[in-house]
Amino acid sequence: MREVVFAVELRGKAGAVEGKEGNFKAITSGRDPRGGRVNFESDVVVTGETFDEKGTIDYAGHGKVRFETVGAGYMTTMPVSGLLWGVVMWKVIGGDGEYRGTSGFITSNFTFSPEDGEVVDNQYVRLAVP
């Protein structure tokens, strides 16, 4: 096993899932520290100020990791008008490609604009990769 640690900023959109109150779909992307493309997709279920989330992150076509929330994420009104901010920790529950057999944790510190759906997500990634 080798340890892989890095930070990445992803930007994109989140929006309500039609017909499912409190359910959102988030799709963001960015570049990893080596310049490779990172594509993120998740399903979010919001209950008040807390939420659960699960999804996938594709690292530059090298492979994907699947994750789910540890405990609950937290989101609340930010002192900057019109934005929400939040934090969440995800446990890696599987992967494919170069990330088959990977375990680890990812933390996310993000902002979300309910008005236009804009998301800015700063992630700290720590993985044990076979």
N, C-alpha and C. Protein backbone atom coordinates (compact mmCIF):
# COMPACT_ATOMS: atom_id res chain seq x y z
N MET A 1 0.84 -1.19 0.00
CA MET A 1 0.00 0.00 0.00
C MET A 1 0.88 1.25 0.00
N ARG A 2 0.38 2.26 -0.66
CA ARG A 2 1.05 3.56 -0.61
C ARG A 2 0.01 4.59 -0.20
N GLU A 3 0.49 5.63 0.46
CA GLU A 3 -0.40 6.70 0.89
C GLU A 3 -0.39 7.81 -0.16
N VAL A 4 -1.57 8.29 -0.51
CA VAL A 4 -1.74 9.39 -1.44
C VAL A 4 -2.47 10.50 -0.70
N VAL A 5 -1.85 11.69 -0.64
CA VAL A 5 -2.43 12.82 0.07
C VAL A 5 -2.35 14.05 -0.82
N PHE A 6 -3.48 14.74 -0.98
CA PHE A 6 -3.47 15.98 -1.76
C PHE A 6 -4.73 16.78 -1.47
N ALA A 7 -4.72 18.04 -1.91
CA ALA A 7 -5.87 18.92 -1.80
C ALA A 7 -6.30 19.30 -3.21
N VAL A 8 -7.59 19.52 -3.38
CA VAL A 8 -8.13 19.87 -4.70
C VAL A 8 -9.33 20.79 -4.51
N GLU A 9 -9.50 21.74 -5.43
CA GLU A 9 -10.69 22.59 -5.45
C GLU A 9 -11.53 22.22 -6.67
N LEU A 10 -12.80 21.97 -6.42
CA LEU A 10 -13.74 21.61 -7.49
C LEU A 10 -14.84 22.67 -7.54
N ARG A 11 -15.30 22.95 -8.75
CA ARG A 11 -16.37 23.93 -8.95
C ARG A 11 -17.44 23.33 -9.84
N GLY A 12 -18.68 23.69 -9.56
CA GLY A 12 -19.76 23.19 -10.39
C GLY A 12 -21.10 23.64 -9.86
N LYS A 13 -22.09 22.75 -10.00
CA LYS A 13 -23.47 23.09 -9.66
C LYS A 13 -24.10 21.98 -8.83
N ALA A 14 -25.09 22.39 -8.05
CA ALA A 14 -25.97 21.45 -7.34
C ALA A 14 -27.39 21.94 -7.53
N GLY A 15 -28.30 21.00 -7.68
CA GLY A 15 -29.70 21.38 -7.86
C GLY A 15 -30.62 20.34 -7.30
N ALA A 16 -31.84 20.78 -7.04
CA ALA A 16 -32.86 19.91 -6.48
C ALA A 16 -33.22 18.80 -7.46
N VAL A 17 -33.50 17.62 -6.92
CA VAL A 17 -33.98 16.50 -7.72
C VAL A 17 -35.50 16.62 -7.78
N GLU A 18 -36.04 16.72 -8.97
CA GLU A 18 -37.47 16.92 -9.14
C GLU A 18 -38.26 15.79 -8.51
N GLY A 19 -39.27 16.18 -7.72
CA GLY A 19 -40.16 15.22 -7.10
C GLY A 19 -39.64 14.59 -5.82
N LYS A 20 -38.44 14.98 -5.39
CA LYS A 20 -37.86 14.41 -4.17
C LYS A 20 -37.41 15.56 -3.26
N GLU A 21 -38.29 15.94 -2.35
CA GLU A 21 -37.99 17.05 -1.45
C GLU A 21 -36.74 16.77 -0.61
N GLY A 22 -35.84 17.76 -0.54
CA GLY A 22 -34.62 17.63 0.24
C GLY A 22 -33.50 16.87 -0.45
N ASN A 23 -33.73 16.40 -1.70
CA ASN A 23 -32.72 15.67 -2.45
C ASN A 23 -32.08 16.57 -3.49
N PHE A 24 -30.76 16.52 -3.56
CA PHE A 24 -30.00 17.33 -4.50
C PHE A 24 -29.01 16.45 -5.25
N LYS A 25 -28.64 16.88 -6.44
CA LYS A 25 -27.59 16.25 -7.23
C LYS A 25 -26.49 17.30 -7.38
N ALA A 26 -25.24 16.92 -7.06
CA ALA A 26 -24.10 17.82 -7.20
C ALA A 26 -23.15 17.27 -8.25
N ILE A 27 -22.71 18.13 -9.16
CA ILE A 27 -21.74 17.76 -10.18
C ILE A 27 -20.69 18.87 -10.24
N THR A 28 -19.44 18.52 -9.95
CA THR A 28 -18.35 19.49 -9.96
C THR A 28 -17.14 18.88 -10.66
N SER A 29 -16.18 19.73 -10.96
CA SER A 29 -14.93 19.24 -11.57
C SER A 29 -13.80 20.21 -11.26
N GLY A 30 -12.59 19.75 -11.50
CA GLY A 30 -11.40 20.55 -11.28
C GLY A 30 -10.18 19.79 -11.75
N ARG A 31 -9.02 20.20 -11.24
CA ARG A 31 -7.75 19.58 -11.60
C ARG A 31 -7.04 19.12 -10.34
N ASP A 32 -6.46 17.89 -10.41
CA ASP A 32 -5.67 17.41 -9.28
C ASP A 32 -4.30 18.10 -9.31
N PRO A 33 -3.45 17.88 -8.30
CA PRO A 33 -2.15 18.57 -8.25
C PRO A 33 -1.24 18.28 -9.45
N ARG A 34 -1.48 17.15 -10.14
CA ARG A 34 -0.67 16.82 -11.33
C ARG A 34 -1.27 17.39 -12.61
N GLY A 35 -2.41 18.09 -12.47
CA GLY A 35 -3.06 18.68 -13.63
C GLY A 35 -4.12 17.80 -14.26
N GLY A 36 -4.33 16.61 -13.70
CA GLY A 36 -5.34 15.71 -14.24
C GLY A 36 -6.74 16.14 -13.88
N ARG A 37 -7.68 15.79 -14.72
CA ARG A 37 -9.08 16.14 -14.52
C ARG A 37 -9.69 15.32 -13.38
N VAL A 38 -10.48 15.98 -12.53
CA VAL A 38 -11.22 15.33 -11.46
C VAL A 38 -12.70 15.64 -11.68
N ASN A 39 -13.52 14.60 -11.75
CA ASN A 39 -14.96 14.76 -11.92
C ASN A 39 -15.68 14.15 -10.72
N PHE A 40 -16.55 14.94 -10.12
CA PHE A 40 -17.25 14.58 -8.89
C PHE A 40 -18.74 14.57 -9.16
N GLU A 41 -19.42 13.55 -8.62
CA GLU A 41 -20.87 13.49 -8.73
C GLU A 41 -21.42 12.88 -7.45
N SER A 42 -22.45 13.51 -6.87
CA SER A 42 -23.00 12.96 -5.63
C SER A 42 -24.50 13.20 -5.54
N ASP A 43 -25.12 12.39 -4.69
CA ASP A 43 -26.52 12.53 -4.33
C ASP A 43 -26.55 12.96 -2.87
N VAL A 44 -27.30 14.02 -2.59
CA VAL A 44 -27.33 14.63 -1.27
C VAL A 44 -28.77 14.62 -0.76
N VAL A 45 -28.95 14.22 0.51
CA VAL A 45 -30.26 14.28 1.15
C VAL A 45 -30.12 15.20 2.36
N VAL A 46 -30.82 16.35 2.28
CA VAL A 46 -30.73 17.39 3.30
C VAL A 46 -31.88 17.26 4.29
N THR A 47 -31.54 17.35 5.58
CA THR A 47 -32.52 17.34 6.66
C THR A 47 -32.17 18.51 7.58
N GLY A 48 -32.80 19.65 7.39
CA GLY A 48 -32.46 20.84 8.19
C GLY A 48 -31.06 21.32 7.84
N GLU A 49 -30.20 21.42 8.86
CA GLU A 49 -28.82 21.87 8.64
C GLU A 49 -27.86 20.71 8.41
N THR A 50 -28.34 19.47 8.48
CA THR A 50 -27.46 18.31 8.27
C THR A 50 -27.85 17.61 6.97
N PHE A 51 -26.92 16.79 6.48
CA PHE A 51 -27.18 16.06 5.24
C PHE A 51 -26.34 14.79 5.19
N ASP A 52 -26.81 13.85 4.37
CA ASP A 52 -26.06 12.64 4.03
C ASP A 52 -25.75 12.71 2.55
N GLU A 53 -24.63 12.12 2.17
CA GLU A 53 -24.19 12.21 0.78
C GLU A 53 -23.45 10.94 0.39
N LYS A 54 -23.64 10.55 -0.86
CA LYS A 54 -22.84 9.45 -1.41
C LYS A 54 -22.63 9.73 -2.89
N GLY A 55 -21.50 9.23 -3.39
CA GLY A 55 -21.22 9.49 -4.79
C GLY A 55 -19.90 8.91 -5.24
N THR A 56 -19.39 9.47 -6.35
CA THR A 56 -18.14 9.01 -6.93
C THR A 56 -17.25 10.18 -7.30
N ILE A 57 -15.96 9.92 -7.30
CA ILE A 57 -14.97 10.87 -7.79
C ILE A 57 -14.09 10.13 -8.78
N ASP A 58 -14.01 10.66 -10.00
CA ASP A 58 -13.19 10.07 -11.07
C ASP A 58 -11.92 10.91 -11.17
N TYR A 59 -10.79 10.27 -10.91
CA TYR A 59 -9.49 10.95 -10.94
C TYR A 59 -8.82 10.76 -12.29
N ALA A 60 -9.05 11.72 -13.19
CA ALA A 60 -8.34 11.80 -14.48
C ALA A 60 -8.42 10.52 -15.30
N GLY A 61 -9.52 9.79 -15.17
CA GLY A 61 -9.65 8.57 -15.94
C GLY A 61 -8.80 7.42 -15.43
N HIS A 62 -8.07 7.62 -14.32
CA HIS A 62 -7.23 6.56 -13.75
C HIS A 62 -8.06 5.60 -12.91
N GLY A 63 -9.21 6.05 -12.50
CA GLY A 63 -10.08 5.24 -11.67
C GLY A 63 -10.99 6.11 -10.85
N LYS A 64 -11.99 5.47 -10.28
CA LYS A 64 -12.96 6.17 -9.45
C LYS A 64 -12.91 5.64 -8.03
N VAL A 65 -13.28 6.51 -7.09
CA VAL A 65 -13.57 6.07 -5.73
C VAL A 65 -15.04 6.33 -5.47
N ARG A 66 -15.63 5.47 -4.67
CA ARG A 66 -17.00 5.65 -4.20
C ARG A 66 -16.93 6.02 -2.73
N PHE A 67 -17.81 6.93 -2.32
CA PHE A 67 -17.76 7.41 -0.94
C PHE A 67 -19.16 7.57 -0.37
N GLU A 68 -19.20 7.64 0.98
CA GLU A 68 -20.43 7.96 1.69
C GLU A 68 -20.08 8.77 2.93
N THR A 69 -21.05 9.52 3.40
CA THR A 69 -20.85 10.40 4.55
C THR A 69 -20.55 9.60 5.82
N VAL A 70 -19.60 10.09 6.59
CA VAL A 70 -19.34 9.59 7.94
C VAL A 70 -20.15 10.48 8.88
N GLY A 71 -21.09 9.90 9.61
CA GLY A 71 -21.96 10.72 10.47
C GLY A 71 -22.91 11.53 9.61
N ALA A 72 -22.80 12.85 9.69
CA ALA A 72 -23.64 13.74 8.90
C ALA A 72 -22.83 14.97 8.53
N GLY A 73 -23.10 15.49 7.35
CA GLY A 73 -22.52 16.77 6.96
C GLY A 73 -23.32 17.90 7.60
N TYR A 74 -22.75 19.08 7.62
CA TYR A 74 -23.40 20.24 8.24
C TYR A 74 -23.31 21.42 7.29
N MET A 75 -24.43 22.13 7.11
CA MET A 75 -24.46 23.30 6.24
C MET A 75 -25.35 24.36 6.88
N THR A 76 -24.89 25.62 6.83
CA THR A 76 -25.65 26.70 7.44
C THR A 76 -25.39 28.00 6.68
N THR A 77 -26.13 29.03 7.04
CA THR A 77 -25.98 30.33 6.41
C THR A 77 -24.60 30.91 6.73
N MET A 78 -23.96 31.40 5.69
CA MET A 78 -22.64 32.03 5.81
C MET A 78 -22.83 33.53 6.08
N PRO A 79 -21.90 34.15 6.79
CA PRO A 79 -22.02 35.59 7.04
C PRO A 79 -22.01 36.43 5.75
N VAL A 80 -21.59 35.84 4.63
CA VAL A 80 -21.64 36.52 3.34
C VAL A 80 -23.03 36.29 2.76
N SER A 81 -23.71 37.35 2.42
CA SER A 81 -25.09 37.29 1.96
C SER A 81 -25.30 36.32 0.79
N GLY A 82 -26.35 35.52 0.92
CA GLY A 82 -26.78 34.65 -0.17
C GLY A 82 -26.09 33.31 -0.27
N LEU A 83 -25.06 33.06 0.53
CA LEU A 83 -24.34 31.78 0.43
C LEU A 83 -24.56 30.92 1.66
N LEU A 84 -24.45 29.63 1.45
CA LEU A 84 -24.39 28.67 2.55
C LEU A 84 -22.97 28.12 2.55
N TRP A 85 -22.51 27.68 3.72
CA TRP A 85 -21.23 26.99 3.78
C TRP A 85 -21.38 25.76 4.63
N GLY A 86 -20.48 24.81 4.40
CA GLY A 86 -20.62 23.57 5.13
C GLY A 86 -19.37 22.73 5.12
N VAL A 87 -19.45 21.64 5.88
CA VAL A 87 -18.36 20.69 5.99
C VAL A 87 -18.94 19.28 6.01
N VAL A 88 -18.14 18.34 5.51
CA VAL A 88 -18.55 16.94 5.53
C VAL A 88 -17.30 16.07 5.44
N MET A 89 -17.38 14.88 6.02
CA MET A 89 -16.30 13.91 5.89
C MET A 89 -16.88 12.67 5.23
N TRP A 90 -16.15 12.15 4.24
CA TRP A 90 -16.58 10.95 3.53
C TRP A 90 -15.60 9.81 3.77
N LYS A 91 -16.13 8.61 3.85
CA LYS A 91 -15.31 7.40 3.90
C LYS A 91 -15.33 6.79 2.51
N VAL A 92 -14.15 6.44 2.00
CA VAL A 92 -14.06 5.76 0.72
C VAL A 92 -14.50 4.32 0.94
N ILE A 93 -15.51 3.88 0.18
CA ILE A 93 -16.08 2.54 0.38
C ILE A 93 -15.79 1.61 -0.79
N GLY A 94 -15.04 2.07 -1.78
CA GLY A 94 -14.70 1.22 -2.91
C GLY A 94 -14.07 2.03 -4.01
N GLY A 95 -13.60 1.32 -5.00
CA GLY A 95 -12.99 2.00 -6.13
C GLY A 95 -12.79 1.06 -7.29
N ASP A 96 -12.36 1.64 -8.42
CA ASP A 96 -12.03 0.83 -9.58
C ASP A 96 -10.81 1.41 -10.27
N GLY A 97 -10.34 0.73 -11.30
CA GLY A 97 -9.12 1.18 -11.98
C GLY A 97 -7.95 1.16 -11.01
N GLU A 98 -7.12 2.18 -11.04
CA GLU A 98 -5.97 2.28 -10.13
C GLU A 98 -6.38 2.38 -8.67
N TYR A 99 -7.67 2.67 -8.43
CA TYR A 99 -8.15 2.84 -7.06
C TYR A 99 -8.91 1.62 -6.54
N ARG A 100 -8.83 0.50 -7.23
CA ARG A 100 -9.45 -0.74 -6.74
C ARG A 100 -8.77 -1.11 -5.42
N GLY A 101 -9.59 -1.39 -4.41
CA GLY A 101 -9.05 -1.76 -3.11
C GLY A 101 -8.61 -0.59 -2.24
N THR A 102 -8.86 0.62 -2.71
CA THR A 102 -8.45 1.82 -1.96
C THR A 102 -9.36 2.04 -0.76
N SER A 103 -8.78 2.54 0.32
CA SER A 103 -9.54 2.97 1.49
C SER A 103 -9.06 4.37 1.85
N GLY A 104 -9.80 5.05 2.69
CA GLY A 104 -9.37 6.37 3.12
C GLY A 104 -10.52 7.29 3.44
N PHE A 105 -10.16 8.55 3.62
CA PHE A 105 -11.13 9.57 3.99
C PHE A 105 -10.88 10.83 3.17
N ILE A 106 -11.97 11.57 2.94
CA ILE A 106 -11.92 12.83 2.23
C ILE A 106 -12.73 13.83 3.05
N THR A 107 -12.17 15.00 3.31
CA THR A 107 -12.93 16.05 3.97
C THR A 107 -13.24 17.14 2.96
N SER A 108 -14.39 17.75 3.11
CA SER A 108 -14.85 18.78 2.20
C SER A 108 -15.29 20.00 2.99
N ASN A 109 -14.82 21.16 2.57
CA ASN A 109 -15.24 22.45 3.10
C ASN A 109 -15.75 23.21 1.88
N PHE A 110 -17.04 23.56 1.85
CA PHE A 110 -17.63 24.06 0.61
C PHE A 110 -18.54 25.26 0.84
N THR A 111 -18.82 25.96 -0.26
CA THR A 111 -19.87 26.98 -0.28
C THR A 111 -20.88 26.59 -1.34
N PHE A 112 -22.12 27.02 -1.12
CA PHE A 112 -23.22 26.71 -2.04
C PHE A 112 -24.12 27.92 -2.14
N SER A 113 -24.46 28.31 -3.35
CA SER A 113 -25.39 29.41 -3.60
C SER A 113 -26.76 28.84 -3.95
N PRO A 114 -27.74 28.95 -3.04
CA PRO A 114 -29.07 28.44 -3.35
C PRO A 114 -29.71 29.17 -4.53
N GLU A 115 -29.29 30.39 -4.77
CA GLU A 115 -29.86 31.20 -5.85
C GLU A 115 -29.53 30.65 -7.24
N ASP A 116 -28.26 30.31 -7.47
CA ASP A 116 -27.87 29.84 -8.81
C ASP A 116 -27.26 28.43 -8.82
N GLY A 117 -27.17 27.78 -7.65
CA GLY A 117 -26.66 26.42 -7.58
C GLY A 117 -25.15 26.28 -7.63
N GLU A 118 -24.42 27.39 -7.64
CA GLU A 118 -22.95 27.33 -7.72
C GLU A 118 -22.36 26.69 -6.47
N VAL A 119 -21.41 25.77 -6.69
CA VAL A 119 -20.70 25.08 -5.61
C VAL A 119 -19.20 25.30 -5.79
N VAL A 120 -18.51 25.63 -4.69
CA VAL A 120 -17.05 25.63 -4.64
C VAL A 120 -16.68 24.69 -3.51
N ASP A 121 -15.97 23.62 -3.84
CA ASP A 121 -15.69 22.54 -2.89
C ASP A 121 -14.18 22.36 -2.77
N ASN A 122 -13.66 22.59 -1.57
CA ASN A 122 -12.24 22.38 -1.29
C ASN A 122 -12.10 21.08 -0.52
N GLN A 123 -11.43 20.09 -1.14
CA GLN A 123 -11.31 18.76 -0.56
C GLN A 123 -9.87 18.48 -0.15
N TYR A 124 -9.74 17.79 0.99
CA TYR A 124 -8.46 17.25 1.46
C TYR A 124 -8.61 15.73 1.40
N VAL A 125 -7.76 15.10 0.60
CA VAL A 125 -7.87 13.67 0.28
C VAL A 125 -6.71 12.92 0.90
N ARG A 126 -7.01 11.83 1.62
CA ARG A 126 -5.98 10.95 2.17
C ARG A 126 -6.42 9.51 1.92
N LEU A 127 -5.68 8.84 1.01
CA LEU A 127 -6.05 7.50 0.58
C LEU A 127 -4.92 6.51 0.81
N ALA A 128 -5.29 5.26 1.07
CA ALA A 128 -4.35 4.15 1.08
C ALA A 128 -4.64 3.35 -0.20
N VAL A 129 -3.70 3.41 -1.14
CA VAL A 129 -3.90 2.82 -2.46
C VAL A 129 -3.00 1.59 -2.61
N PRO A 130 -3.59 0.44 -3.04
CA PRO A 130 -2.76 -0.76 -3.20
C PRO A 130 -1.70 -0.60 -4.28
